[in-house]
Protein backbone atom coordinates (compact mmCIF):
# COMPACT_ATOMS: atom_id res chain seq x y z
CA UNK A 1 0.00 0.00 0.00
CA UNK A 2 2.79 2.30 0.86
CA UNK A 3 4.35 1.63 -2.53
CA UNK A 4 1.09 2.24 -4.35
CA UNK A 5 0.56 5.57 -2.63
CA UNK A 6 4.01 6.78 -3.60
CA UNK A 7 3.50 5.52 -7.13
CA UNK A 8 0.29 7.54 -7.36
CA UNK A 9 2.00 10.57 -5.89
CA UNK A 10 4.94 10.23 -8.32
CA UNK A 11 2.52 9.97 -11.23
CA UNK A 12 0.60 12.99 -10.08
CA UNK A 13 3.80 14.97 -9.69
CA UNK A 14 4.87 13.99 -13.19
CA UNK A 15 1.53 15.13 -14.60
CA UNK A 16 1.78 18.46 -12.82
CA UNK A 17 5.30 19.02 -14.17
CA UNK A 18 4.18 18.18 -17.69
CA UNK A 19 1.21 20.55 -17.31
CA UNK A 20 3.47 23.29 -15.97
CA UNK A 21 5.94 22.84 -18.79
CA UNK A 22 3.13 22.90 -21.31
CA UNK A 23 1.75 26.10 -19.77
CA UNK A 24 5.02 27.98 -19.76
CA UNK A 25 5.89 26.82 -23.25
CA UNK A 26 2.65 28.52 -24.49
CA UNK A 27 3.25 31.89 -22.80
CA UNK A 28 4.38 34.73 -25.18
CA UNK A 29 7.23 36.73 -23.74
CA UNK A 30 6.67 39.86 -25.95
CA UNK A 31 3.22 41.33 -25.39
CA UNK A 32 0.92 42.77 -28.05
CA UNK A 33 0.66 46.55 -28.10
CA UNK A 34 -2.81 47.93 -27.27
CA UNK A 35 -4.72 49.02 -30.35
CA UNK A 36 -4.26 52.65 -31.38
CA UNK A 37 -7.09 54.68 -29.86
CA UNK A 38 -7.71 52.16 -27.11
CA UNK A 39 -10.91 50.19 -26.87
CA UNK A 40 -13.59 51.25 -29.28
CA UNK A 41 -15.45 50.35 -32.42
CA UNK A 42 -16.88 51.96 -35.52
CA UNK A 43 -20.49 51.57 -36.57
CA UNK A 44 -22.33 52.94 -39.60
CA UNK A 45 -24.24 56.21 -39.35
CA UNK A 46 -27.23 57.40 -41.33
CA UNK A 47 -27.54 61.02 -40.19
CA UNK A 48 -25.36 64.02 -39.40
CA UNK A 49 -25.44 66.31 -36.39
CA UNK A 50 -26.91 69.01 -38.62
CA UNK A 51 -29.70 66.59 -39.61
CA UNK A 52 -30.52 65.91 -35.96
CA UNK A 53 -30.51 69.57 -34.95
CA UNK A 54 -32.87 70.36 -37.82
CA UNK A 55 -35.46 68.07 -36.19
CA UNK A 56 -35.85 70.51 -33.30
CA UNK A 57 -38.87 72.52 -34.35
CA UNK A 58 -40.39 73.51 -31.02
CA UNK A 59 -38.42 76.47 -29.70
CA UNK A 60 -38.47 76.34 -25.92
CA UNK A 61 -40.07 72.88 -26.07
CA UNK A 62 -39.10 69.30 -26.78
CA UNK A 63 -39.11 67.07 -29.85
CA UNK A 64 -38.77 63.31 -29.53
CA UNK A 65 -36.75 61.55 -32.23
CA UNK A 66 -38.87 58.70 -33.57
CA UNK A 67 -36.74 57.54 -36.50
CA UNK A 68 -33.87 55.08 -36.21
CA UNK A 69 -31.11 57.64 -36.73
CA UNK A 70 -27.47 57.13 -35.82
CA UNK A 71 -24.95 59.96 -35.64
CA UNK A 72 -21.24 60.03 -34.90
CA UNK A 73 -19.09 62.82 -33.56
CA UNK A 74 -15.84 63.57 -31.78
CA UNK A 75 -15.90 64.90 -28.23
CA UNK A 76 -14.59 68.49 -28.18
CA UNK A 77 -15.69 69.32 -24.62
CA UNK A 78 -16.00 67.02 -21.60
CA UNK A 79 -16.55 67.60 -17.89
CA UNK A 80 -12.96 67.08 -16.71
CA UNK A 81 -12.34 70.68 -15.59
CA UNK A 82 -15.83 71.18 -14.18
CA UNK A 83 -16.66 73.95 -16.63
CA UNK A 84 -19.33 71.61 -18.02
CA UNK A 85 -21.42 69.34 -15.80
CA UNK A 86 -22.79 65.96 -16.91
CA UNK A 87 -22.55 67.23 -20.48
CA UNK A 88 -20.46 66.51 -23.55
CA UNK A 89 -20.14 68.47 -26.76
CA UNK A 90 -19.54 66.47 -29.92
CA UNK A 91 -19.06 67.64 -33.47
CA UNK A 92 -18.81 66.25 -36.97
CA UNK A 93 -18.13 67.96 -40.28
CA UNK A 94 -21.62 69.52 -40.29
CA UNK A 95 -21.77 71.03 -36.79
CA UNK A 96 -21.87 70.27 -33.09
CA UNK A 97 -24.37 69.53 -30.33
CA UNK A 98 -24.50 69.26 -26.54
CA UNK A 99 -25.38 65.83 -25.14
CA UNK A 100 -26.70 65.68 -21.57
CA UNK A 101 -26.24 62.73 -19.21
CA UNK A 102 -27.65 61.80 -15.79
CA UNK A 103 -24.20 60.82 -14.50
CA UNK A 104 -20.97 62.75 -14.30
CA UNK A 105 -17.27 61.95 -14.64
CA UNK A 106 -17.89 61.53 -18.34
CA UNK A 107 -14.27 62.25 -19.17
CA UNK A 108 -13.35 58.82 -17.82
CA UNK A 109 -15.38 57.22 -20.59
CA UNK A 110 -15.58 59.89 -23.25
CA UNK A 111 -12.59 62.25 -23.03
CA UNK A 112 -11.88 64.98 -25.55
CA UNK A 113 -10.85 63.29 -28.79
CA UNK A 114 -13.02 60.19 -28.29
CA UNK A 115 -15.43 59.47 -31.11
CA UNK A 116 -18.85 58.36 -29.98
CA UNK A 117 -21.90 57.11 -31.85
CA UNK A 118 -25.43 57.86 -30.67
CA UNK A 119 -28.51 55.87 -31.53
CA UNK A 120 -30.95 58.75 -31.39
CA UNK A 121 -34.28 56.94 -31.57
CA UNK A 122 -36.29 57.72 -28.44
CA UNK A 123 -34.05 60.58 -27.33
CA UNK A 124 -35.24 64.16 -27.03
CA UNK A 125 -34.16 67.45 -28.56
CA UNK A 126 -34.63 70.62 -26.54
CA UNK A 127 -32.97 73.99 -26.24
CA UNK A 128 -31.69 76.11 -23.40
CA UNK A 129 -32.44 79.65 -24.55
CA UNK A 130 -31.71 78.76 -28.21
CA UNK A 131 -28.83 76.36 -27.47
CA UNK A 132 -29.96 72.99 -28.87
CA UNK A 133 -29.31 69.97 -26.61
CA UNK A 134 -29.79 66.22 -26.95
CA UNK A 135 -31.05 64.52 -23.80
CA UNK A 136 -32.59 61.26 -22.59
CA UNK A 137 -36.20 62.33 -22.10
CA UNK A 138 -38.48 64.67 -20.21
CA UNK A 139 -40.05 64.84 -16.78
CA UNK A 140 -42.98 66.88 -15.48
CA UNK A 141 -42.85 68.41 -12.02
CA UNK A 142 -45.40 70.88 -10.69
CA UNK A 143 -46.78 71.34 -14.16
CA UNK A 144 -43.37 72.19 -15.61
CA UNK A 145 -41.75 69.96 -18.23
CA UNK A 146 -37.98 69.70 -18.22
CA UNK A 147 -35.45 67.38 -19.79
CA UNK A 148 -33.36 64.72 -18.10
CA UNK A 149 -29.96 63.44 -19.18
CA UNK A 150 -29.34 60.03 -20.65
CA UNK A 151 -29.77 57.40 -17.94
CA UNK A 152 -27.30 54.60 -17.29
CA UNK A 153 -29.51 52.21 -19.23
CA UNK A 154 -29.78 54.62 -22.16
CA UNK A 155 -26.05 55.13 -22.10
CA UNK A 156 -25.57 51.37 -22.43
CA UNK A 157 -28.05 51.01 -25.27
CA UNK A 158 -27.77 54.34 -27.11
CA UNK A 159 -24.09 55.22 -26.89
CA UNK A 160 -21.35 53.34 -28.72
CA UNK A 161 -17.79 54.26 -27.82
CA UNK A 162 -15.58 54.81 -30.84
CA UNK A 163 -11.84 55.14 -30.96
CA UNK A 164 -9.81 57.77 -29.14
CA UNK A 165 -7.87 60.29 -31.19
CA UNK A 166 -7.18 64.00 -31.25
CA UNK A 167 -9.87 66.63 -31.01
CA UNK A 168 -10.71 68.28 -34.34
CA UNK A 169 -8.60 71.28 -35.30
CA UNK A 170 -10.56 74.36 -34.21
CA UNK A 171 -12.04 76.61 -36.86
CA UNK A 172 -10.07 79.85 -36.93
CA UNK A 173 -12.61 82.64 -37.15
CA UNK A 174 -12.77 86.39 -36.62
CA UNK A 175 -14.71 87.54 -33.61
CA UNK A 176 -17.23 89.26 -35.88
CA UNK A 177 -17.59 86.23 -38.15
CA UNK A 178 -19.37 84.03 -35.63
CA UNK A 179 -22.58 82.43 -36.87
CA UNK A 180 -25.18 79.84 -35.90
CA UNK A 181 -23.40 77.05 -37.81
CA UNK A 182 -20.43 77.35 -35.43
CA UNK A 183 -22.48 76.94 -32.23
CA UNK A 184 -21.34 73.88 -30.22
CA UNK A 185 -18.16 73.52 -32.27
CA UNK A 186 -14.54 74.19 -31.41
CA UNK A 187 -13.33 77.60 -32.61
CA UNK A 188 -10.12 79.59 -32.27
CA UNK A 189 -10.29 83.37 -32.19
CA UNK A 190 -7.02 85.19 -32.78
CA UNK A 191 -5.89 88.74 -32.10
CA UNK A 192 -7.99 89.28 -28.97
CA UNK A 193 -7.47 90.48 -25.41
CA UNK A 194 -9.60 90.75 -22.29
CA UNK A 195 -11.04 94.21 -21.76
CA UNK A 196 -9.32 96.44 -19.25
CA UNK A 197 -12.03 95.71 -16.68
CA UNK A 198 -11.76 91.93 -17.14
CA UNK A 199 -8.02 91.39 -17.56
CA UNK A 200 -6.15 90.14 -14.52
CA UNK A 201 -9.43 89.00 -12.92
CA UNK A 202 -10.50 85.53 -11.81
CA UNK A 203 -12.33 83.50 -14.44
CA UNK A 204 -15.22 82.87 -12.01
CA UNK A 205 -16.06 83.16 -8.31
CA UNK A 206 -14.54 80.06 -6.73
CA UNK A 207 -15.61 81.06 -3.19
CA UNK A 208 -19.33 81.29 -3.87
CA UNK A 209 -19.12 78.83 -6.80
CA UNK A 210 -20.77 81.46 -9.00
CA UNK A 211 -20.38 81.50 -12.78
CA UNK A 212 -19.10 84.75 -14.26
CA UNK A 213 -18.87 86.43 -17.64
CA UNK A 214 -15.58 87.95 -18.72
CA UNK A 215 -15.41 90.00 -21.92
CA UNK A 216 -12.65 89.87 -24.49
CA UNK A 217 -12.35 91.86 -27.71
CA UNK A 218 -10.32 92.33 -30.84
CA UNK A 219 -8.37 95.46 -31.69
CA UNK A 220 -11.43 96.88 -33.42
CA UNK A 221 -13.43 96.67 -30.17
CA UNK A 222 -15.71 93.80 -31.27
CA UNK A 223 -16.48 91.88 -28.08
CA UNK A 224 -17.43 88.35 -27.00
CA UNK A 225 -18.34 86.88 -23.61
CA UNK A 226 -16.28 84.13 -21.99
CA UNK A 227 -18.57 82.18 -19.65
CA UNK A 228 -16.94 80.18 -16.84
CA UNK A 229 -18.52 78.01 -14.13
CA UNK A 230 -17.66 78.68 -10.50
CA UNK A 231 -17.23 74.90 -10.14
CA UNK A 232 -14.42 74.77 -12.71
CA UNK A 233 -11.02 73.85 -11.36
CA UNK A 234 -9.54 77.00 -12.89
CA UNK A 235 -12.17 79.42 -11.59
CA UNK A 236 -9.70 81.04 -9.17
CA UNK A 237 -7.04 81.59 -11.82
CA UNK A 238 -6.75 85.04 -13.39
CA UNK A 239 -7.30 86.09 -16.95
CA UNK A 240 -4.18 87.17 -18.88
CA UNK A 241 -3.39 90.83 -19.46
CA UNK A 242 -1.86 90.43 -22.92
CA UNK A 243 -3.19 89.75 -26.41
CA UNK A 244 -3.26 86.52 -28.40
CA UNK A 245 -5.70 83.72 -29.13
CA UNK A 246 -8.43 81.83 -27.30
CA UNK A 247 -9.89 78.42 -28.19
CA UNK A 248 -13.19 77.08 -26.94
CA UNK A 249 -16.65 75.79 -27.68
CA UNK A 250 -19.02 78.44 -28.98
CA UNK A 251 -22.34 78.70 -27.18
CA UNK A 252 -25.34 80.96 -27.48
CA UNK A 253 -27.75 82.43 -24.95
CA UNK A 254 -30.74 83.96 -26.66
CA UNK A 255 -29.09 86.00 -29.40
CA UNK A 256 -25.77 86.46 -27.58
CA UNK A 257 -22.80 84.29 -28.46
CA UNK A 258 -20.51 83.17 -25.65
CA UNK A 259 -17.42 81.01 -25.45
CA UNK A 260 -16.49 78.18 -23.05
CA UNK A 261 -12.90 77.06 -22.64
CA UNK A 262 -11.94 73.55 -21.56
CA UNK A 263 -9.13 74.77 -19.31
CA UNK A 264 -6.61 77.62 -19.29
CA UNK A 265 -4.37 75.92 -21.86
CA UNK A 266 -6.99 77.10 -24.35
CA UNK A 267 -5.94 80.70 -23.66
CA UNK A 268 -2.70 82.00 -25.19
CA UNK A 269 -2.51 85.74 -24.61
CA UNK A 270 1.09 86.67 -23.95
CA UNK A 271 1.63 89.28 -26.67
CA UNK A 272 1.47 93.06 -26.40
CA UNK A 273 -1.98 94.56 -26.16
CA UNK A 274 -3.68 96.25 -29.09
CA UNK A 275 -1.81 99.34 -30.20
CA UNK A 276 1.20 98.64 -28.02
CA UNK A 277 3.39 96.84 -30.57
CA UNK A 278 6.20 94.49 -29.72
CA UNK A 279 8.91 96.51 -31.43
CA UNK A 280 9.74 93.48 -33.57
CA UNK A 281 6.99 93.75 -36.17
CA UNK A 282 7.69 92.70 -39.75
CA UNK A 283 7.28 95.47 -42.32
CA UNK A 284 4.87 94.50 -45.11
CA UNK A 285 4.04 96.47 -48.22
CA UNK A 286 0.55 97.67 -48.99
CA UNK A 287 0.04 95.48 -52.06
CA UNK A 288 0.61 92.39 -49.88
CA UNK A 289 -1.85 93.75 -47.32
CA UNK A 290 -4.49 94.28 -49.99
CA UNK A 291 -3.95 90.74 -51.28
CA UNK A 292 -5.03 89.34 -47.91
CA UNK A 293 -8.59 90.55 -48.50
CA UNK A 294 -10.64 87.76 -50.10
CA UNK A 295 -14.09 89.33 -50.17
CA UNK A 296 -15.03 89.32 -46.48
CA UNK A 297 -13.76 90.94 -43.31
CA UNK A 298 -10.52 89.42 -42.08
CA UNK A 299 -7.73 90.32 -39.68
CA UNK A 300 -4.13 91.09 -40.45
CA UNK A 301 -1.50 88.70 -39.08
CA UNK A 302 0.21 89.36 -35.76
CA UNK A 303 3.48 91.29 -35.57
CA UNK A 304 3.00 93.29 -38.77
CA UNK A 305 3.51 96.96 -39.58
CA UNK A 306 3.18 99.15 -42.68
CA UNK A 307 4.89 102.33 -43.82
CA UNK A 308 3.83 104.94 -46.36
CA UNK A 309 3.20 108.58 -47.22
CA UNK A 310 -0.09 110.32 -46.41
CA UNK A 311 -1.61 111.42 -49.74
CA UNK A 312 -4.82 112.92 -48.32
CA UNK A 313 -5.15 116.40 -46.84
CA UNK A 314 -7.13 116.62 -43.62
CA UNK A 315 -7.18 120.45 -43.86
CA UNK A 316 -9.13 120.19 -47.12
CA UNK A 317 -11.97 118.52 -45.15
CA UNK A 318 -12.96 116.33 -48.08
CA UNK A 319 -13.00 113.14 -46.00
CA UNK A 320 -13.92 111.89 -42.55
CA UNK A 321 -11.55 113.18 -39.86
CA UNK A 322 -10.76 109.61 -38.73
CA UNK A 323 -9.66 108.57 -42.22
CA UNK A 324 -6.58 109.07 -44.34
CA UNK A 325 -5.12 107.60 -47.51
CA UNK A 326 -1.60 106.23 -47.39
CA UNK A 327 0.58 105.09 -50.31
CA UNK A 328 3.90 103.26 -50.57
CA UNK A 329 5.83 102.13 -53.64
CA UNK A 330 3.44 99.24 -54.28
CA UNK A 331 -0.15 100.37 -53.55
CA UNK A 332 -2.39 102.56 -51.44
CA UNK A 333 -5.06 101.97 -48.82
CA UNK A 334 -7.38 103.80 -46.44
CA UNK A 335 -6.49 103.87 -42.76
CA UNK A 336 -9.42 104.43 -40.40
CA UNK A 337 -8.45 105.32 -36.84
CA UNK A 338 -10.46 104.90 -33.66
CA UNK A 339 -10.51 108.69 -33.17
CA UNK A 340 -9.72 111.91 -35.01
CA UNK A 341 -6.11 111.92 -36.20
CA UNK A 342 -3.71 114.83 -36.73
CA UNK A 343 -1.58 113.50 -39.60
CA UNK A 344 -0.96 115.82 -42.52
CA UNK A 345 -0.45 115.51 -46.25
CA UNK A 346 3.16 114.40 -46.82
CA UNK A 347 3.71 112.78 -43.44
CA UNK A 348 5.52 109.47 -43.55
CA UNK A 349 3.80 107.06 -41.13
CA UNK A 350 4.76 103.74 -39.64
CA UNK A 351 1.69 101.93 -38.37
CA UNK A 352 1.47 98.72 -36.33
CA UNK A 353 -1.42 96.78 -37.87
CA UNK A 354 -1.12 93.48 -36.00
CA UNK A 355 -4.51 91.72 -35.78
CA UNK A 356 -6.32 94.83 -37.08
CA UNK A 357 -9.46 94.46 -39.19
CA UNK A 358 -9.13 94.50 -42.97
CA UNK A 359 -12.50 95.14 -44.56
CA UNK A 360 -14.44 97.08 -47.17
CA UNK A 361 -16.78 100.00 -46.63
CA UNK A 362 -19.02 100.48 -49.65
CA UNK A 363 -16.39 98.59 -51.69
CA UNK A 364 -13.50 100.78 -50.49
CA UNK A 365 -10.80 98.66 -48.82
CA UNK A 366 -9.68 99.89 -45.41
CA UNK A 367 -7.63 98.92 -42.39
CA UNK A 368 -10.28 99.64 -39.80
CA UNK A 369 -10.30 100.88 -36.20
CA UNK A 370 -6.60 101.49 -35.73
CA UNK A 371 -5.60 102.82 -32.29
CA UNK A 372 -3.97 106.25 -32.64
CA UNK A 373 -1.05 104.96 -30.57
CA UNK A 374 -0.30 102.42 -33.30
CA UNK A 375 0.80 105.15 -35.76
CA UNK A 376 4.13 106.95 -35.57
CA UNK A 377 5.13 109.91 -37.76
CA UNK A 378 8.63 109.29 -39.10
CA UNK A 379 9.02 112.46 -41.19
CA UNK A 380 6.99 115.21 -42.86
CA UNK A 381 6.98 117.22 -46.10
CA UNK A 382 7.28 114.17 -48.34
CA UNK A 383 5.75 114.03 -51.81
CA UNK A 384 4.29 111.24 -53.92
CA UNK A 385 4.36 111.68 -57.69
CA UNK A 386 0.86 111.03 -59.06
CA UNK A 387 0.39 108.43 -61.78
CA UNK A 388 -0.36 110.11 -65.13
CA UNK A 389 -3.29 108.21 -66.62
CA UNK A 390 -6.39 108.54 -68.76
CA UNK A 391 -9.84 107.88 -67.37
CA UNK A 392 -10.06 104.73 -69.47
CA UNK A 393 -6.81 103.45 -67.96
CA UNK A 394 -8.04 104.31 -64.48
CA UNK A 395 -11.32 102.44 -64.92
CA UNK A 396 -9.51 99.42 -66.38
CA UNK A 397 -7.04 99.22 -63.47
CA UNK A 398 -9.18 100.58 -60.69
CA UNK A 399 -8.95 97.61 -58.32
CA UNK A 400 -5.16 97.71 -58.13
CA UNK A 401 -4.88 101.53 -58.34
CA UNK A 402 -7.53 102.22 -55.70
CA UNK A 403 -6.37 104.66 -52.97
CA UNK A 404 -3.43 105.96 -54.99
CA UNK A 405 -2.73 109.38 -56.45
CA UNK A 406 -3.43 110.03 -60.17
CA UNK A 407 -3.23 112.95 -62.57
CA UNK A 408 -5.66 113.38 -65.47
CA UNK A 409 -4.96 115.96 -68.19
CA UNK A 410 -7.24 117.72 -70.67
CA UNK A 411 -10.33 116.82 -68.67
CA UNK A 412 -13.70 118.50 -68.36
CA UNK A 413 -16.00 118.69 -65.34
CA UNK A 414 -19.76 118.81 -65.85
CA UNK A 415 -22.94 118.34 -63.84
CA UNK A 416 -23.18 121.40 -61.58
CA UNK A 417 -22.26 125.03 -61.04
CA UNK A 418 -19.92 124.22 -58.14
CA UNK A 419 -17.75 121.26 -57.25
CA UNK A 420 -19.97 120.15 -54.35
CA UNK A 421 -21.42 116.66 -54.80
CA UNK A 422 -20.92 114.17 -57.64
CA UNK A 423 -19.69 115.59 -60.96
CA UNK A 424 -18.70 113.92 -64.22
CA UNK A 425 -14.99 114.01 -65.00
CA UNK A 426 -14.28 113.17 -68.66
CA UNK A 427 -11.17 113.28 -70.84
CA UNK A 428 -12.36 111.84 -74.14
CA UNK A 429 -11.41 108.27 -73.18
CA UNK A 430 -14.08 107.80 -70.54
CA UNK A 431 -15.93 109.27 -67.56
CA UNK A 432 -15.49 108.88 -63.80
CA UNK A 433 -17.17 110.53 -60.82
CA UNK A 434 -15.43 113.51 -59.22
CA UNK A 435 -16.83 113.68 -55.69
CA UNK A 436 -16.53 116.62 -53.33
CA UNK A 437 -18.06 116.63 -49.87
CA UNK A 438 -20.24 119.58 -48.94
CA UNK A 439 -17.97 120.09 -45.95
CA UNK A 440 -14.82 120.41 -48.11
CA UNK A 441 -13.14 123.82 -47.93
CA UNK A 442 -13.32 124.03 -51.75
CA UNK A 443 -16.85 122.67 -52.26
CA UNK A 444 -18.12 126.12 -53.25
CA UNK A 445 -15.57 126.57 -56.04
CA UNK A 446 -17.11 127.33 -59.42
CA UNK A 447 -16.91 124.42 -61.78
CA UNK A 448 -14.29 125.25 -64.45
CA UNK A 449 -15.74 125.75 -67.89
CA UNK A 450 -12.70 124.65 -69.83
CA UNK A 451 -10.25 121.76 -69.84
CA UNK A 452 -8.29 121.17 -66.63
CA UNK A 453 -5.48 119.06 -65.27
CA UNK A 454 -6.76 117.38 -62.14
CA UNK A 455 -4.87 115.51 -59.43
CA UNK A 456 -6.78 113.33 -57.02
CA UNK A 457 -7.08 110.11 -55.04
CA UNK A 458 -8.87 107.12 -56.52
CA UNK A 459 -11.64 106.15 -54.14
CA UNK A 460 -14.76 104.04 -54.14
CA UNK A 461 -18.28 104.47 -52.83
CA UNK A 462 -20.02 101.66 -54.69
CA UNK A 463 -18.68 103.34 -57.82
CA UNK A 464 -15.31 104.54 -59.08
CA UNK A 465 -14.51 108.04 -57.82
CA UNK A 466 -11.77 110.64 -57.75
CA UNK A 467 -11.33 112.80 -54.65
CA UNK A 468 -9.53 116.13 -54.70
CA UNK A 469 -7.34 116.86 -51.68
CA UNK A 470 -7.52 120.67 -51.79
CA UNK A 471 -8.19 123.51 -54.18
CA UNK A 472 -4.70 123.26 -55.68
CA UNK A 473 -5.57 119.92 -57.27
CA UNK A 474 -7.30 121.72 -60.18
CA UNK A 475 -5.01 123.51 -62.64
């Protein structure tokens, strides 16, 4: 018996050793790398975020989604910093939308950059003062209907977690180019600074946990609200005092746009404030400045300056006292200052135009709302030789010659007894408007009856025009 027991034990031991050897011989010593993007999956979609938002027809009310619609979008805002609560913002190529949940700590499951798919059937569309939101359903309390976030069960059945990647590149947009299509999407606004009252102030009230609005603006004074929750983990931090860019999710409250940042890394405002200049600006010529305009208001790049000779005469009073025309060796342009300037005909100016608005006013291109402090007079008494041209040549080249000085010979002026108002200027090759403001010091001059040589600035007010600078421009 003793022998049998040991024989059984020896056999068992042998089996265990064989099993152990078999086990270890099957173990891989170099491990597989986790899949890029972590755990996730892709599923087909049959609708876009824009399609879903279009189903919300009851402003201030709720619309249940009855069709089997599936959307996909990348998370651009989560609740990690506390600036959003139980809410995600996702976007696709057509737009963005807020998605409300009943549970928090969403960033653990759906961080910024994670793609998620939503089976929308049975969910509800509502809006918070015009901001469209997707939620789990509605509840009625004391006769009032309100929405509720997606429940745990809905999250399991309606949300499919896609792969993790980078958040979409924000849309770079001017502060005055915001529109409804950008709401609930990631945007980047450049060339802005917090107003004097809101720079160097806390983002929100961390003591009372109160949300606050801080206002930032571009160098033209166009403003936008930055809304920050008192529960955010950066509420106690202070807004920067310089100028730069800010990235965030665009929201709307009624008709007022407002921005939400994810954390303070979205704010990069370390440059000099509007009008201050860094002293290291790159000089650009006026033809390159004009080429930046592509049909809609834009903003000049940071750290840029221009230089040229003033070709308009403020003492002639034939233009607004905040405006002047400047010309260099390549082109001309209108400068419009924030206040009345004191620059004279022949002054050479150097002007810091970093992040300043480039736009058109009645088809006349201008660098708009320039702080007076941004312009420095380098010298005075300079002259610019006008381009000798016929009216036909002027009309044919008007777009590139606009805001430059020209001279027209053997021309006649008709249409009124004095120069005041719009007159026809003709030289046998064509006709162009000669405009003189009623406030001009020479507006009462008698219209010459014979041929003249006229020097003037090419301007535009929804039509090609020539502006005299002073009475000496007619010979």
